[in-house]
Amino acid sequence: MEAERAARGKVEKQRHLLQEELDELSERLDEAGGATQAQIEQNKKREAELQRMKRDLDEQALQSEQAVAATKKKSQDAQNELNDQLDQLSKVKSK
């Protein structure tokens, strides 16, 4: 009977120690989960910022292409105008 009580006390003590260890591990897991959730949120914010920056870059590239095209057109128009003037002067000179 005494041996049974001692064994039961030993089992209860081990159960108590295991429960404390389980509680501690659960707490650590919760903390790690919170850190993981914070990282997930931070990554989402970074991804959103990256998408915004990419969109802005694409918009700037489009505007630059349009500006280059407009400048090329102005240049070509000016060159055509000068060629027309040169042709006019050549005609006047040849008469």
PDB file of N, CA and C in Angstrom:
ATOM      1  N   MET A   1       0.820  -1.175   0.000  1.00  0.00           N
ATOM      2  CA  MET A   1       0.000   0.000   0.000  1.00  0.00           C
ATOM      3  C   MET A   1       0.880   1.261   0.000  1.00  0.00           C
ATOM      4  N   GLU A   2       1.900   1.277   0.834  1.00  0.00           N
ATOM      5  CA  GLU A   2       2.821   2.414   0.910  1.00  0.00           C
ATOM      6  C   GLU A   2       3.569   2.580  -0.410  1.00  0.00           C
ATOM      7  N   ALA A   3       3.969   1.476  -1.040  1.00  0.00           N
ATOM      8  CA  ALA A   3       4.680   1.528  -2.319  1.00  0.00           C
ATOM      9  C   ALA A   3       3.770   2.109  -3.401  1.00  0.00           C
ATOM     10  N   GLU A   4       2.488   1.750  -3.317  1.00  0.00           N
ATOM     11  CA  GLU A   4       1.531   2.266  -4.297  1.00  0.00           C
ATOM     12  C   GLU A   4       1.364   3.768  -4.132  1.00  0.00           C
ATOM     13  N   ARG A   5       1.293   4.227  -2.894  1.00  0.00           N
ATOM     14  CA  ARG A   5       1.178   5.662  -2.628  1.00  0.00           C
ATOM     15  C   ARG A   5       2.426   6.405  -3.103  1.00  0.00           C
ATOM     16  N   ALA A   6       3.580   5.832  -2.858  1.00  0.00           N
ATOM     17  CA  ALA A   6       4.842   6.456  -3.275  1.00  0.00           C
ATOM     18  C   ALA A   6       4.905   6.525  -4.800  1.00  0.00           C
ATOM     19  N   ALA A   7       4.491   5.437  -5.457  1.00  0.00           N
ATOM     20  CA  ALA A   7       4.498   5.408  -6.918  1.00  0.00           C
ATOM     21  C   ALA A   7       3.516   6.441  -7.466  1.00  0.00           C
ATOM     22  N   ARG A   8       2.337   6.538  -6.826  1.00  0.00           N
ATOM     23  CA  ARG A   8       1.325   7.493  -7.260  1.00  0.00           C
ATOM     24  C   ARG A   8       1.852   8.924  -7.075  1.00  0.00           C
ATOM     25  N   GLY A   9       2.516   9.184  -5.948  1.00  0.00           N
ATOM     26  CA  GLY A   9       3.093  10.510  -5.692  1.00  0.00           C
ATOM     27  C   GLY A   9       4.166  10.834  -6.726  1.00  0.00           C
ATOM     28  N   LYS A  10       4.983   9.853  -7.051  1.00  0.00           N
ATOM     29  CA  LYS A  10       6.037  10.054  -8.047  1.00  0.00           C
ATOM     30  C   LYS A  10       5.428  10.347  -9.422  1.00  0.00           C
ATOM     31  N   VAL A  11       4.379   9.604  -9.774  1.00  0.00           N
ATOM     32  CA  VAL A  11       3.695   9.816 -11.051  1.00  0.00           C
ATOM     33  C   VAL A  11       3.062  11.203 -11.080  1.00  0.00           C
ATOM     34  N   GLU A  12       2.441  11.606  -9.977  1.00  0.00           N
ATOM     35  CA  GLU A  12       1.818  12.944  -9.904  1.00  0.00           C
ATOM     36  C   GLU A  12       2.876  14.037 -10.053  1.00  0.00           C
ATOM     37  N   LYS A  13       4.009  13.835  -9.403  1.00  0.00           N
ATOM     38  CA  LYS A  13       5.095  14.817  -9.487  1.00  0.00           C
ATOM     39  C   LYS A  13       5.590  14.910 -10.931  1.00  0.00           C
ATOM     40  N   GLN A  14       5.784  13.766 -11.595  1.00  0.00           N
ATOM     41  CA  GLN A  14       6.229  13.763 -12.989  1.00  0.00           C
ATOM     42  C   GLN A  14       5.177  14.411 -13.892  1.00  0.00           C
ATOM     43  N   ARG A  15       3.908  14.109 -13.618  1.00  0.00           N
ATOM     44  CA  ARG A  15       2.831  14.706 -14.401  1.00  0.00           C
ATOM     45  C   ARG A  15       2.836  16.225 -14.246  1.00  0.00           C
ATOM     46  N   HIS A  16       3.049  16.671 -13.013  1.00  0.00           N
ATOM     47  CA  HIS A  16       3.093  18.106 -12.744  1.00  0.00           C
ATOM     48  C   HIS A  16       4.271  18.747 -13.486  1.00  0.00           C
ATOM     49  N   LEU A  17       5.423  18.115 -13.453  1.00  0.00           N
ATOM     50  CA  LEU A  17       6.597  18.649 -14.152  1.00  0.00           C
ATOM     51  C   LEU A  17       6.365  18.679 -15.669  1.00  0.00           C
ATOM     52  N   LEU A  18       5.764  17.620 -16.173  1.00  0.00           N
ATOM     53  CA  LEU A  18       5.472  17.580 -17.604  1.00  0.00           C
ATOM     54  C   LEU A  18       4.446  18.646 -17.989  1.00  0.00           C
ATOM     55  N   GLN A  19       3.463  18.883 -17.128  1.00  0.00           N
ATOM     56  CA  GLN A  19       2.466  19.924 -17.398  1.00  0.00           C
ATOM     57  C   GLN A  19       3.123  21.296 -17.416  1.00  0.00           C
ATOM     58  N   GLU A  20       4.048  21.550 -16.477  1.00  0.00           N
ATOM     59  CA  GLU A  20       4.768  22.833 -16.461  1.00  0.00           C
ATOM     60  C   GLU A  20       5.590  22.993 -17.735  1.00  0.00           C
ATOM     61  N   GLU A  21       6.251  21.920 -18.143  1.00  0.00           N
ATOM     62  CA  GLU A  21       7.055  21.968 -19.365  1.00  0.00           C
ATOM     63  C   GLU A  21       6.156  22.215 -20.583  1.00  0.00           C
ATOM     64  N   LEU A  22       4.995  21.555 -20.611  1.00  0.00           N
ATOM     65  CA  LEU A  22       4.045  21.752 -21.704  1.00  0.00           C
ATOM     66  C   LEU A  22       3.545  23.192 -21.734  1.00  0.00           C
ATOM     67  N   ASP A  23       3.250  23.754 -20.564  1.00  0.00           N
ATOM     68  CA  ASP A  23       2.799  25.148 -20.495  1.00  0.00           C
ATOM     69  C   ASP A  23       3.879  26.097 -21.011  1.00  0.00           C
ATOM     70  N   GLU A  24       5.117  25.845 -20.604  1.00  0.00           N
ATOM     71  CA  GLU A  24       6.232  26.687 -21.038  1.00  0.00           C
ATOM     72  C   GLU A  24       6.416  26.590 -22.556  1.00  0.00           C
ATOM     73  N   LEU A  25       6.364  25.371 -23.083  1.00  0.00           N
ATOM     74  CA  LEU A  25       6.514  25.189 -24.528  1.00  0.00           C
ATOM     75  C   LEU A  25       5.355  25.838 -25.288  1.00  0.00           C
ATOM     76  N   SER A  26       4.155  25.751 -24.740  1.00  0.00           N
ATOM     77  CA  SER A  26       2.997  26.387 -25.370  1.00  0.00           C
ATOM     78  C   SER A  26       3.167  27.900 -25.413  1.00  0.00           C
ATOM     79  N   GLU A  27       3.675  28.448 -24.315  1.00  0.00           N
ATOM     80  CA  GLU A  27       3.904  29.898 -24.251  1.00  0.00           C
ATOM     81  C   GLU A  27       4.951  30.314 -25.282  1.00  0.00           C
ATOM     82  N   ARG A  28       6.032  29.544 -25.375  1.00  0.00           N
ATOM     83  CA  ARG A  28       7.082  29.849 -26.352  1.00  0.00           C
ATOM     84  C   ARG A  28       6.551  29.743 -27.778  1.00  0.00           C
ATOM     85  N   LEU A  29       5.697  28.747 -28.001  1.00  0.00           N
ATOM     86  CA  LEU A  29       5.100  28.584 -29.325  1.00  0.00           C
ATOM     87  C   LEU A  29       4.203  29.774 -29.669  1.00  0.00           C
ATOM     88  N   ASP A  30       3.434  30.228 -28.694  1.00  0.00           N
ATOM     89  CA  ASP A  30       2.581  31.406 -28.914  1.00  0.00           C
ATOM     90  C   ASP A  30       3.420  32.631 -29.241  1.00  0.00           C
ATOM     91  N   GLU A  31       4.527  32.806 -28.517  1.00  0.00           N
ATOM     92  CA  GLU A  31       5.416  33.947 -28.777  1.00  0.00           C
ATOM     93  C   GLU A  31       6.005  33.848 -30.180  1.00  0.00           C
ATOM     94  N   ALA A  32       6.445  32.649 -30.540  1.00  0.00           N
ATOM     95  CA  ALA A  32       7.020  32.458 -31.879  1.00  0.00           C
ATOM     96  C   ALA A  32       5.957  32.692 -32.944  1.00  0.00           C
ATOM     97  N   GLY A  33       4.738  32.242 -32.676  1.00  0.00           N
ATOM     98  CA  GLY A  33       3.645  32.467 -33.619  1.00  0.00           C
ATOM     99  C   GLY A  33       3.351  33.940 -33.789  1.00  0.00           C
ATOM    100  N   GLY A  34       3.415  34.684 -32.690  1.00  0.00           N
ATOM    101  CA  GLY A  34       3.203  36.133 -32.765  1.00  0.00           C
ATOM    102  C   GLY A  34       4.286  36.799 -33.582  1.00  0.00           C
ATOM    103  N   ALA A  35       5.523  36.341 -33.389  1.00  0.00           N
ATOM    104  CA  ALA A  35       6.633  36.903 -34.164  1.00  0.00           C
ATOM    105  C   ALA A  35       6.456  36.569 -35.643  1.00  0.00           C
ATOM    106  N   THR A  36       6.022  35.354 -35.909  1.00  0.00           N
ATOM    107  CA  THR A  36       5.798  34.950 -37.293  1.00  0.00           C
ATOM    108  C   THR A  36       4.690  35.791 -37.916  1.00  0.00           C
ATOM    109  N   GLN A  37       3.624  36.026 -37.174  1.00  0.00           N
ATOM    110  CA  GLN A  37       2.525  36.847 -37.679  1.00  0.00           C
ATOM    111  C   GLN A  37       3.008  38.265 -37.953  1.00  0.00           C
ATOM    112  N   ALA A  38       3.857  38.790 -37.066  1.00  0.00           N
ATOM    113  CA  ALA A  38       4.391  40.140 -37.275  1.00  0.00           C
ATOM    114  C   ALA A  38       5.243  40.167 -38.547  1.00  0.00           C
ATOM    115  N   GLN A  39       6.026  39.118 -38.781  1.00  0.00           N
ATOM    116  CA  GLN A  39       6.833  39.056 -40.000  1.00  0.00           C
ATOM    117  C   GLN A  39       5.939  38.985 -41.233  1.00  0.00           C
ATOM    118  N   ILE A  40       4.872  38.218 -41.145  1.00  0.00           N
ATOM    119  CA  ILE A  40       3.947  38.112 -42.272  1.00  0.00           C
ATOM    120  C   ILE A  40       3.360  39.483 -42.593  1.00  0.00           C
ATOM    121  N   GLU A  41       2.949  40.209 -41.564  1.00  0.00           N
ATOM    122  CA  GLU A  41       2.382  41.544 -41.770  1.00  0.00           C
ATOM    123  C   GLU A  41       3.421  42.491 -42.369  1.00  0.00           C
ATOM    124  N   GLN A  42       4.643  42.409 -41.855  1.00  0.00           N
ATOM    125  CA  GLN A  42       5.713  43.262 -42.373  1.00  0.00           C
ATOM    126  C   GLN A  42       5.993  42.926 -43.837  1.00  0.00           C
ATOM    127  N   ASN A  43       6.008  41.646 -44.170  1.00  0.00           N
ATOM    128  CA  ASN A  43       6.231  41.242 -45.557  1.00  0.00           C
ATOM    129  C   ASN A  43       5.114  41.731 -46.463  1.00  0.00           C
ATOM    130  N   LYS A  44       3.872  41.703 -45.968  1.00  0.00           N
ATOM    131  CA  LYS A  44       2.748  42.207 -46.763  1.00  0.00           C
ATOM    132  C   LYS A  44       2.924  43.701 -47.039  1.00  0.00           C
ATOM    133  N   LYS A  45       3.353  44.449 -46.012  1.00  0.00           N
ATOM    134  CA  LYS A  45       3.570  45.888 -46.191  1.00  0.00           C
ATOM    135  C   LYS A  45       4.686  46.142 -47.197  1.00  0.00           C
ATOM    136  N   ARG A  46       5.762  45.365 -47.090  1.00  0.00           N
ATOM    137  CA  ARG A  46       6.872  45.527 -48.033  1.00  0.00           C
ATOM    138  C   ARG A  46       6.434  45.192 -49.453  1.00  0.00           C
ATOM    139  N   GLU A  47       5.660  44.142 -49.600  1.00  0.00           N
ATOM    140  CA  GLU A  47       5.169  43.742 -50.926  1.00  0.00           C
ATOM    141  C   GLU A  47       4.286  44.843 -51.514  1.00  0.00           C
ATOM    142  N   ALA A  48       3.425  45.427 -50.693  1.00  0.00           N
ATOM    143  CA  ALA A  48       2.564  46.517 -51.162  1.00  0.00           C
ATOM    144  C   ALA A  48       3.409  47.722 -51.583  1.00  0.00           C
ATOM    145  N   GLU A  49       4.429  48.044 -50.789  1.00  0.00           N
ATOM    146  CA  GLU A  49       5.318  49.161 -51.116  1.00  0.00           C
ATOM    147  C   GLU A  49       6.075  48.870 -52.410  1.00  0.00           C
ATOM    148  N   LEU A  50       6.525  47.649 -52.572  1.00  0.00           N
ATOM    149  CA  LEU A  50       7.233  47.258 -53.785  1.00  0.00           C
ATOM    150  C   LEU A  50       6.323  47.386 -55.010  1.00  0.00           C
ATOM    151  N   GLN A  51       5.079  46.955 -54.880  1.00  0.00           N
ATOM    152  CA  GLN A  51       4.123  47.067 -55.985  1.00  0.00           C
ATOM    153  C   GLN A  51       3.865  48.539 -56.329  1.00  0.00           C
ATOM    154  N   ARG A  52       3.754  49.371 -55.288  1.00  0.00           N
ATOM    155  CA  ARG A  52       3.531  50.805 -55.526  1.00  0.00           C
ATOM    156  C   ARG A  52       4.723  51.417 -56.260  1.00  0.00           C
ATOM    157  N   MET A  53       5.930  51.043 -55.814  1.00  0.00           N
ATOM    158  CA  MET A  53       7.134  51.574 -56.451  1.00  0.00           C
ATOM    159  C   MET A  53       7.245  51.094 -57.898  1.00  0.00           C
ATOM    160  N   LYS A  54       6.888  49.847 -58.147  1.00  0.00           N
ATOM    161  CA  LYS A  54       6.931  49.311 -59.516  1.00  0.00           C
ATOM    162  C   LYS A  54       5.931  50.052 -60.402  1.00  0.00           C
ATOM    163  N   ARG A  55       4.743  50.291 -59.868  1.00  0.00           N
ATOM    164  CA  ARG A  55       3.719  51.021 -60.620  1.00  0.00           C
ATOM    165  C   ARG A  55       4.210  52.437 -60.940  1.00  0.00           C
ATOM    166  N   ASP A  56       4.830  53.099 -59.940  1.00  0.00           N
ATOM    167  CA  ASP A  56       5.362  54.445 -60.159  1.00  0.00           C
ATOM    168  C   ASP A  56       6.471  54.427 -61.206  1.00  0.00           C
ATOM    169  N   LEU A  57       7.334  53.420 -61.131  1.00  0.00           N
ATOM    170  CA  LEU A  57       8.427  53.303 -62.101  1.00  0.00           C
ATOM    171  C   LEU A  57       7.881  53.099 -63.506  1.00  0.00           C
ATOM    172  N   ASP A  58       6.886  52.234 -63.644  1.00  0.00           N
ATOM    173  CA  ASP A  58       6.273  52.004 -64.956  1.00  0.00           C
ATOM    174  C   ASP A  58       5.647  53.286 -65.500  1.00  0.00           C
ATOM    175  N   GLU A  59       4.998  54.039 -64.617  1.00  0.00           N
ATOM    176  CA  GLU A  59       4.379  55.298 -65.026  1.00  0.00           C
ATOM    177  C   GLU A  59       5.438  56.307 -65.475  1.00  0.00           C
ATOM    178  N   GLN A  60       6.534  56.397 -64.731  1.00  0.00           N
ATOM    179  CA  GLN A  60       7.620  57.311 -65.092  1.00  0.00           C
ATOM    180  C   GLN A  60       8.257  56.896 -66.416  1.00  0.00           C
ATOM    181  N   ALA A  61       8.421  55.587 -66.628  1.00  0.00           N
ATOM    182  CA  ALA A  61       9.003  55.107 -67.888  1.00  0.00           C
ATOM    183  C   ALA A  61       8.100  55.482 -69.058  1.00  0.00           C
ATOM    184  N   LEU A  62       6.796  55.328 -68.877  1.00  0.00           N
ATOM    185  CA  LEU A  62       5.845  55.688 -69.930  1.00  0.00           C
ATOM    186  C   LEU A  62       5.913  57.184 -70.231  1.00  0.00           C
ATOM    187  N   GLN A  63       5.959  57.993 -69.184  1.00  0.00           N
ATOM    188  CA  GLN A  63       6.046  59.444 -69.387  1.00  0.00           C
ATOM    189  C   GLN A  63       7.343  59.822 -70.097  1.00  0.00           C
ATOM    190  N   SER A  64       8.431  59.148 -69.734  1.00  0.00           N
ATOM    191  CA  SER A  64       9.716  59.423 -70.391  1.00  0.00           C
ATOM    192  C   SER A  64       9.666  59.055 -71.867  1.00  0.00           C
ATOM    193  N   GLU A  65       9.075  57.900 -72.166  1.00  0.00           N
ATOM    194  CA  GLU A  65       8.944  57.481 -73.565  1.00  0.00           C
ATOM    195  C   GLU A  65       8.115  58.484 -74.352  1.00  0.00           C
ATOM    196  N   GLN A  66       7.043  58.980 -73.745  1.00  0.00           N
ATOM    197  CA  GLN A  66       6.203  59.962 -74.415  1.00  0.00           C
ATOM    198  C   GLN A  66       6.966  61.270 -74.646  1.00  0.00           C
ATOM    199  N   ALA A  67       7.776  61.666 -73.668  1.00  0.00           N
ATOM    200  CA  ALA A  67       8.557  62.898 -73.805  1.00  0.00           C
ATOM    201  C   ALA A  67       9.600  62.750 -74.914  1.00  0.00           C
ATOM    202  N   VAL A  68      10.244  61.586 -74.974  1.00  0.00           N
ATOM    203  CA  VAL A  68      11.233  61.342 -76.031  1.00  0.00           C
ATOM    204  C   VAL A  68      10.554  61.363 -77.400  1.00  0.00           C
ATOM    205  N   ALA A  69       9.393  60.724 -77.507  1.00  0.00           N
ATOM    206  CA  ALA A  69       8.668  60.703 -78.780  1.00  0.00           C
ATOM    207  C   ALA A  69       8.269  62.119 -79.201  1.00  0.00           C
ATOM    208  N   ALA A  70       7.813  62.920 -78.253  1.00  0.00           N
ATOM    209  CA  ALA A  70       7.423  64.298 -78.563  1.00  0.00           C
ATOM    210  C   ALA A  70       8.634  65.118 -79.013  1.00  0.00           C
ATOM    211  N   THR A  71       9.760  64.911 -78.348  1.00  0.00           N
ATOM    212  CA  THR A  71      10.980  65.640 -78.711  1.00  0.00           C
ATOM    213  C   THR A  71      11.460  65.227 -80.103  1.00  0.00           C
ATOM    214  N   LYS A  72      11.393  63.931 -80.396  1.00  0.00           N
ATOM    215  CA  LYS A  72      11.784  63.457 -81.733  1.00  0.00           C
ATOM    216  C   LYS A  72      10.880  64.057 -82.801  1.00  0.00           C
ATOM    217  N   LYS A  73       9.581  64.127 -82.512  1.00  0.00           N
ATOM    218  CA  LYS A  73       8.643  64.693 -83.484  1.00  0.00           C
ATOM    219  C   LYS A  73       8.952  66.173 -83.717  1.00  0.00           C
ATOM    220  N   LYS A  74       9.206  66.912 -82.641  1.00  0.00           N
ATOM    221  CA  LYS A  74       9.545  68.341 -82.789  1.00  0.00           C
ATOM    222  C   LYS A  74      10.799  68.499 -83.635  1.00  0.00           C
ATOM    223  N   SER A  75      11.773  67.653 -83.353  1.00  0.00           N
ATOM    224  CA  SER A  75      13.031  67.728 -84.087  1.00  0.00           C
ATOM    225  C   SER A  75      12.819  67.426 -85.564  1.00  0.00           C
ATOM    226  N   GLN A  76      12.046  66.388 -85.842  1.00  0.00           N
ATOM    227  CA  GLN A  76      11.770  66.025 -87.237  1.00  0.00           C
ATOM    228  C   GLN A  76      10.985  67.130 -87.934  1.00  0.00           C
ATOM    229  N   ASP A  77      10.010  67.714 -87.239  1.00  0.00           N
ATOM    230  CA  ASP A  77       9.235  68.812 -87.822  1.00  0.00           C
ATOM    231  C   ASP A  77      10.138  70.010 -88.124  1.00  0.00           C
ATOM    232  N   ALA A  78      11.039  70.323 -87.188  1.00  0.00           N
ATOM    233  CA  ALA A  78      11.960  71.444 -87.403  1.00  0.00           C
ATOM    234  C   ALA A  78      12.884  71.154 -88.579  1.00  0.00           C
ATOM    235  N   GLN A  79      13.364  69.930 -88.680  1.00  0.00           N
ATOM    236  CA  GLN A  79      14.239  69.557 -89.795  1.00  0.00           C
ATOM    237  C   GLN A  79      13.488  69.643 -91.121  1.00  0.00           C
ATOM    238  N   ASN A  80      12.259  69.183 -91.138  1.00  0.00           N
ATOM    239  CA  ASN A  80      11.450  69.283 -92.356  1.00  0.00           C
ATOM    240  C   ASN A  80      11.220  70.738 -92.750  1.00  0.00           C
ATOM    241  N   GLU A  81      10.944  71.567 -91.765  1.00  0.00           N
ATOM    242  CA  GLU A  81      10.735  72.998 -92.028  1.00  0.00           C
ATOM    243  C   GLU A  81      11.996  73.637 -92.612  1.00  0.00           C
ATOM    244  N   LEU A  82      13.147  73.286 -92.039  1.00  0.00           N
ATOM    245  CA  LEU A  82      14.405  73.838 -92.556  1.00  0.00           C
ATOM    246  C   LEU A  82      14.675  73.325 -93.968  1.00  0.00           C
ATOM    247  N   ASN A  83      14.382  72.063 -94.218  1.00  0.00           N
ATOM    248  CA  ASN A  83      14.567  71.528 -95.574  1.00  0.00           C
ATOM    249  C   ASN A  83      13.654  72.239 -96.564  1.00  0.00           C
ATOM    250  N   ASP A  84      12.414  72.511 -96.156  1.00  0.00           N
ATOM    251  CA  ASP A  84      11.493  73.251 -97.025  1.00  0.00           C
ATOM    252  C   ASP A  84      12.024  74.650 -97.311  1.00  0.00           C
ATOM    253  N   GLN A  85      12.538  75.310 -96.273  1.00  0.00           N
ATOM    254  CA  GLN A  85      13.095  76.652 -96.463  1.00  0.00           C
ATOM    255  C   GLN A  85      14.300  76.606 -97.403  1.00  0.00           C
ATOM    256  N   LEU A  86      15.129  75.569 -97.235  1.00  0.00           N
ATOM    257  CA  LEU A  86      16.304  75.422 -98.088  1.00  0.00           C
ATOM    258  C   LEU A  86      15.887  75.193 -99.540  1.00  0.00           C
ATOM    259  N   ASP A  87      14.866  74.369 -99.726  1.00  0.00           N
ATOM    260  CA  ASP A  87      14.348  74.141-101.082  1.00  0.00           C
ATOM    261  C   ASP A  87      13.811  75.440-101.671  1.00  0.00           C
ATOM    262  N   GLN A  88      13.081  76.225-100.888  1.00  0.00           N
ATOM    263  CA  GLN A  88      12.541  77.505-101.356  1.00  0.00           C
ATOM    264  C   GLN A  88      13.673  78.444-101.772  1.00  0.00           C
ATOM    265  N   LEU A  89      14.721  78.485-100.918  1.00  0.00           N
ATOM    266  CA  LEU A  89      15.858  79.374-101.244  1.00  0.00           C
ATOM    267  C   LEU A  89      16.564  78.890-102.505  1.00  0.00           C
ATOM    268  N   SER A  90      16.674  77.616-102.661  1.00  0.00           N
ATOM    269  CA  SER A  90      17.344  77.076-103.849  1.00  0.00           C
ATOM    270  C   SER A  90      16.553  77.429-105.115  1.00  0.00           C
ATOM    271  N   LYS A  91      15.220  77.335-105.027  1.00  0.00           N
ATOM    272  CA  LYS A  91      14.363  77.684-106.155  1.00  0.00           C
ATOM    273  C   LYS A  91      14.488  79.161-106.500  1.00  0.00           C
ATOM    274  N   VAL A  92      14.496  80.007-105.471  1.00  0.00           N
ATOM    275  CA  VAL A  92      14.590  81.438-105.690  1.00  0.00           C
ATOM    276  C   VAL A  92      15.959  81.783-106.294  1.00  0.00           C
ATOM    277  N   LYS A  93      16.973  81.116-105.813  1.00  0.00           N
ATOM    278  CA  LYS A  93      18.332  81.385-106.276  1.00  0.00           C
ATOM    279  C   LYS A  93      18.523  80.923-107.726  1.00  0.00           C
ATOM    280  N   SER A  94      17.903  79.828-108.066  1.00  0.00           N
ATOM    281  CA  SER A  94      18.069  79.292-109.422  1.00  0.00           C
ATOM    282  C   SER A  94      17.296  80.100-110.455  1.00  0.00           C
ATOM    283  N   LYS A  95      16.355  80.881-110.083  1.00  0.00           N
ATOM    284  CA  LYS A  95      15.562  81.685-111.049  1.00  0.00           C
ATOM    285  C   LYS A  95      16.308  82.883-111.462  1.00  0.00           C
TER     286      LYS A  95
END
